[in-house]
Amino acid sequence: GDAIGLYNGSGFNELTTSGSGGTATFTGTVVGTPQTCAIFPYSVAKTVSSVTLPASYVWKENDAPTPMYAAYSASGLEFKHLGGLVKVSVSGIPAESREFVVTADKDICGDYSLVEEGGYKVIKSAGSAANNSVKFTFETPASDMIFYVPVPVGSYKFTVSLNDAGGNELWKFAGSSSNDVTRNRLV
């Protein structure tokens, strides 16, 4: 079910996988001629020079939805991370929990332009806090859960919380130190 977007000159064509495992083959129909780039996951592809990070996700175990970019080549696609990934492990989750929320002191969702940095394309936080929360929803929590949050390059202070189905806060933790997020890094 993973999907990449392959740019065809006027938009992105979706190529998807079937099955699971460490190796995958993406299949689909490309209308037009593949060119410029491919973006993973397909759902974040906006243009050849921008992506949109979602404000909400449905939590899946071991899912790290970090956006990646590959320059198009007829011989293959080599994807590189556009930002970093924040890993939050939570133990002792109350049974009535239905959402996990990460809030930062800067934007961590919304539209981002791709910029060159160190020979790679990256996305960077604009610095405002208008789009600074990301929510993960789930039906029945496990006692211990791990959340992977894709984050643009930047320095952040994070607050995390667990809420019930009505959005009422059950638990909250505010970090006191800054976290430097760089491309291709798990924090």
Protein backbone atom coordinates (compact mmCIF):
# COMPACT_ATOMS: atom_id res chain seq x y z
CA GLY A 1 0.00 0.00 0.00
CA ASP A 2 2.99 2.38 0.00
CA ALA A 3 2.84 4.85 -2.88
CA ILE A 4 5.24 7.16 -4.69
CA GLY A 5 4.34 10.03 -6.97
CA LEU A 6 6.25 10.07 -10.27
CA TYR A 7 6.12 13.43 -12.06
CA ASN A 8 5.04 13.25 -15.71
CA GLY A 9 5.44 16.88 -16.82
CA SER A 10 2.02 18.07 -15.69
CA GLY A 11 1.32 16.18 -12.44
CA PHE A 12 2.15 13.14 -10.37
CA ASN A 13 1.19 9.58 -11.27
CA GLU A 14 0.69 7.22 -8.32
CA LEU A 15 2.70 3.99 -8.22
CA THR A 16 1.84 1.56 -5.39
CA THR A 17 3.19 -1.60 -3.79
CA SER A 18 1.47 -4.85 -2.99
CA GLY A 19 2.59 -7.20 -0.25
CA SER A 20 4.99 -6.25 2.53
CA GLY A 21 8.61 -6.62 3.51
CA GLY A 22 11.95 -4.88 3.21
CA THR A 23 11.91 -4.86 -0.59
CA ALA A 24 9.07 -3.59 -2.73
CA THR A 25 8.16 -3.15 -6.36
CA PHE A 26 6.08 -0.12 -7.26
CA THR A 27 3.61 -0.57 -10.10
CA GLY A 28 1.09 1.65 -11.83
CA THR A 29 0.40 3.53 -15.01
CA VAL A 30 2.39 6.60 -15.98
CA VAL A 31 0.49 8.90 -18.30
CA GLY A 32 2.97 10.99 -20.27
CA THR A 33 6.73 10.79 -19.88
CA PRO A 34 8.39 10.39 -16.45
CA GLN A 35 10.59 13.39 -15.72
CA THR A 36 12.12 15.62 -13.04
CA CYS A 37 11.39 13.71 -9.83
CA ALA A 38 9.49 11.25 -7.68
CA ILE A 39 8.21 11.96 -4.18
CA PHE A 40 7.37 9.53 -1.38
CA PRO A 41 4.75 9.21 -0.08
CA TYR A 42 2.51 10.14 -2.98
CA SER A 43 0.06 11.83 -0.59
CA VAL A 44 2.54 14.67 0.21
CA ALA A 45 3.50 15.45 -3.43
CA LYS A 46 2.28 18.92 -4.34
CA THR A 47 4.61 20.18 -7.11
CA VAL A 48 8.13 19.29 -8.25
CA SER A 49 9.38 21.88 -5.76
CA SER A 50 6.99 21.53 -2.82
CA VAL A 51 5.28 19.06 -0.49
CA THR A 52 2.49 19.23 2.06
CA LEU A 53 3.04 17.64 5.48
CA PRO A 54 -0.30 16.46 6.94
CA ALA A 55 -1.68 17.76 10.23
CA SER A 56 -3.12 14.34 11.07
CA TYR A 57 -2.27 10.68 10.59
CA VAL A 58 -3.90 7.37 11.43
CA TRP A 59 -1.31 5.63 13.62
CA LYS A 60 0.17 2.39 12.32
CA GLU A 61 2.76 0.37 14.21
CA ASN A 62 6.32 0.91 12.89
CA ASP A 63 5.08 3.46 10.33
CA ALA A 64 7.51 6.33 9.76
CA PRO A 65 5.86 8.53 7.10
CA THR A 66 8.92 10.66 6.39
CA PRO A 67 8.84 12.45 3.01
CA MET A 68 11.56 11.66 0.48
CA TYR A 69 12.62 13.01 -2.90
CA ALA A 70 14.34 11.32 -5.86
CA ALA A 71 15.60 13.02 -9.00
CA TYR A 72 14.22 11.13 -11.98
CA SER A 73 16.58 8.75 -13.76
CA ALA A 74 15.60 6.10 -16.30
CA SER A 75 17.96 3.67 -14.53
CA GLY A 76 16.19 4.00 -11.16
CA LEU A 77 15.14 6.28 -8.35
CA GLU A 78 17.35 6.96 -5.34
CA PHE A 79 15.25 8.55 -2.61
CA LYS A 80 16.73 10.96 -0.05
CA HIS A 81 14.99 12.27 3.07
CA LEU A 82 13.62 15.82 2.89
CA GLY A 83 13.62 16.38 6.64
CA GLY A 84 14.06 14.56 9.91
CA LEU A 85 11.98 12.24 12.01
CA VAL A 86 11.08 12.64 15.67
CA LYS A 87 10.50 9.38 17.55
CA VAL A 88 8.38 9.56 20.71
CA SER A 89 7.98 6.43 22.87
CA VAL A 90 5.13 6.50 25.37
CA SER A 91 4.59 3.89 28.08
CA GLY A 92 1.55 3.28 30.26
CA ILE A 93 -0.98 4.73 27.83
CA PRO A 94 -4.46 5.04 29.38
CA ALA A 95 -7.05 2.74 27.75
CA GLU A 96 -9.36 5.67 26.92
CA SER A 97 -6.66 7.40 24.80
CA ARG A 98 -7.58 7.89 21.14
CA GLU A 99 -5.13 10.51 19.91
CA PHE A 100 -1.54 11.55 20.37
CA VAL A 101 -0.68 15.19 19.67
CA VAL A 102 2.75 16.72 19.06
CA THR A 103 2.97 20.50 19.29
CA ALA A 104 6.10 22.49 18.44
CA ASP A 105 7.17 26.10 18.84
CA LYS A 106 7.36 26.36 15.01
CA ASP A 107 5.42 24.98 12.04
CA ILE A 108 5.61 21.19 11.56
CA CYS A 109 2.77 20.69 9.06
CA GLY A 110 1.45 22.44 5.98
CA ASP A 111 3.08 23.45 2.69
CA TYR A 112 6.88 23.49 2.31
CA SER A 113 9.11 24.48 -0.59
CA LEU A 114 12.08 22.25 -1.38
CA VAL A 115 15.41 24.07 -0.97
CA GLU A 116 18.98 22.98 -1.68
CA GLU A 117 21.16 22.47 1.38
CA GLY A 118 24.42 20.55 1.46
CA GLY A 119 23.78 19.05 -1.98
CA TYR A 120 20.33 17.71 -1.02
CA LYS A 121 16.77 18.94 -1.22
CA VAL A 122 15.27 19.72 2.21
CA ILE A 123 12.18 21.26 3.73
CA LYS A 124 12.60 23.86 6.46
CA SER A 125 10.20 25.27 9.02
CA ALA A 126 9.05 28.81 8.22
CA GLY A 127 9.39 29.62 11.92
CA SER A 128 5.81 30.73 12.55
CA ALA A 129 3.58 28.64 14.77
CA ALA A 130 0.39 28.72 12.68
CA ASN A 131 0.67 25.01 11.74
CA ASN A 132 2.50 23.67 14.77
CA SER A 133 0.48 20.58 15.80
CA VAL A 134 0.31 17.08 14.36
CA LYS A 135 -2.24 14.51 15.57
CA PHE A 136 -2.12 10.71 15.40
CA THR A 137 -5.45 8.92 15.89
CA PHE A 138 -5.93 5.27 16.85
CA GLU A 139 -8.80 2.99 17.86
CA THR A 140 -7.46 0.93 20.75
CA PRO A 141 -4.13 1.88 22.28
CA ALA A 142 -1.44 -0.54 23.35
CA SER A 143 0.12 0.03 26.76
CA ASP A 144 3.33 1.15 25.01
CA MET A 145 3.34 2.93 21.64
CA ILE A 146 5.94 4.58 19.42
CA PHE A 147 5.06 7.59 17.27
CA TYR A 148 7.20 8.76 14.33
CA VAL A 149 6.63 12.40 13.40
CA PRO A 150 8.08 13.77 10.12
CA VAL A 151 9.50 17.23 10.79
CA PRO A 152 11.11 19.89 8.56
CA VAL A 153 14.73 20.85 9.21
CA GLY A 154 14.92 23.25 12.17
CA SER A 155 15.33 23.59 15.92
CA TYR A 156 12.23 22.88 18.02
CA LYS A 157 10.83 22.58 21.51
CA PHE A 158 8.09 19.95 21.63
CA THR A 159 5.07 19.27 23.82
CA VAL A 160 3.28 15.93 23.54
CA SER A 161 -0.11 14.88 24.87
CA LEU A 162 -2.60 12.02 24.89
CA ASN A 163 -6.28 12.83 24.47
CA ASP A 164 -9.51 10.87 24.68
CA ALA A 165 -12.01 10.57 21.78
CA GLY A 166 -13.53 13.96 22.67
CA GLY A 167 -10.16 15.73 22.53
CA ASN A 168 -9.90 16.02 26.33
CA GLU A 169 -6.29 15.96 27.50
CA LEU A 170 -5.38 12.91 29.61
CA TRP A 171 -1.61 13.40 29.83
CA LYS A 172 0.92 16.02 28.74
CA PHE A 173 4.70 16.45 28.68
CA ALA A 174 6.51 19.65 27.69
CA GLY A 175 10.16 19.33 26.71
CA SER A 176 12.46 21.98 28.15
CA SER A 177 15.36 21.78 25.70
CA SER A 178 15.63 22.43 21.98
CA ASN A 179 15.86 19.56 19.53
CA ASP A 180 17.91 20.10 16.38
CA VAL A 181 16.30 18.26 13.48
CA THR A 182 18.41 17.74 10.37
CA ARG A 183 17.81 15.90 7.11
CA ASN A 184 18.08 12.13 7.40
CA ARG A 185 18.18 12.12 11.21
CA LEU A 186 16.06 10.35 13.81
CA VAL A 187 15.67 12.44 16.99
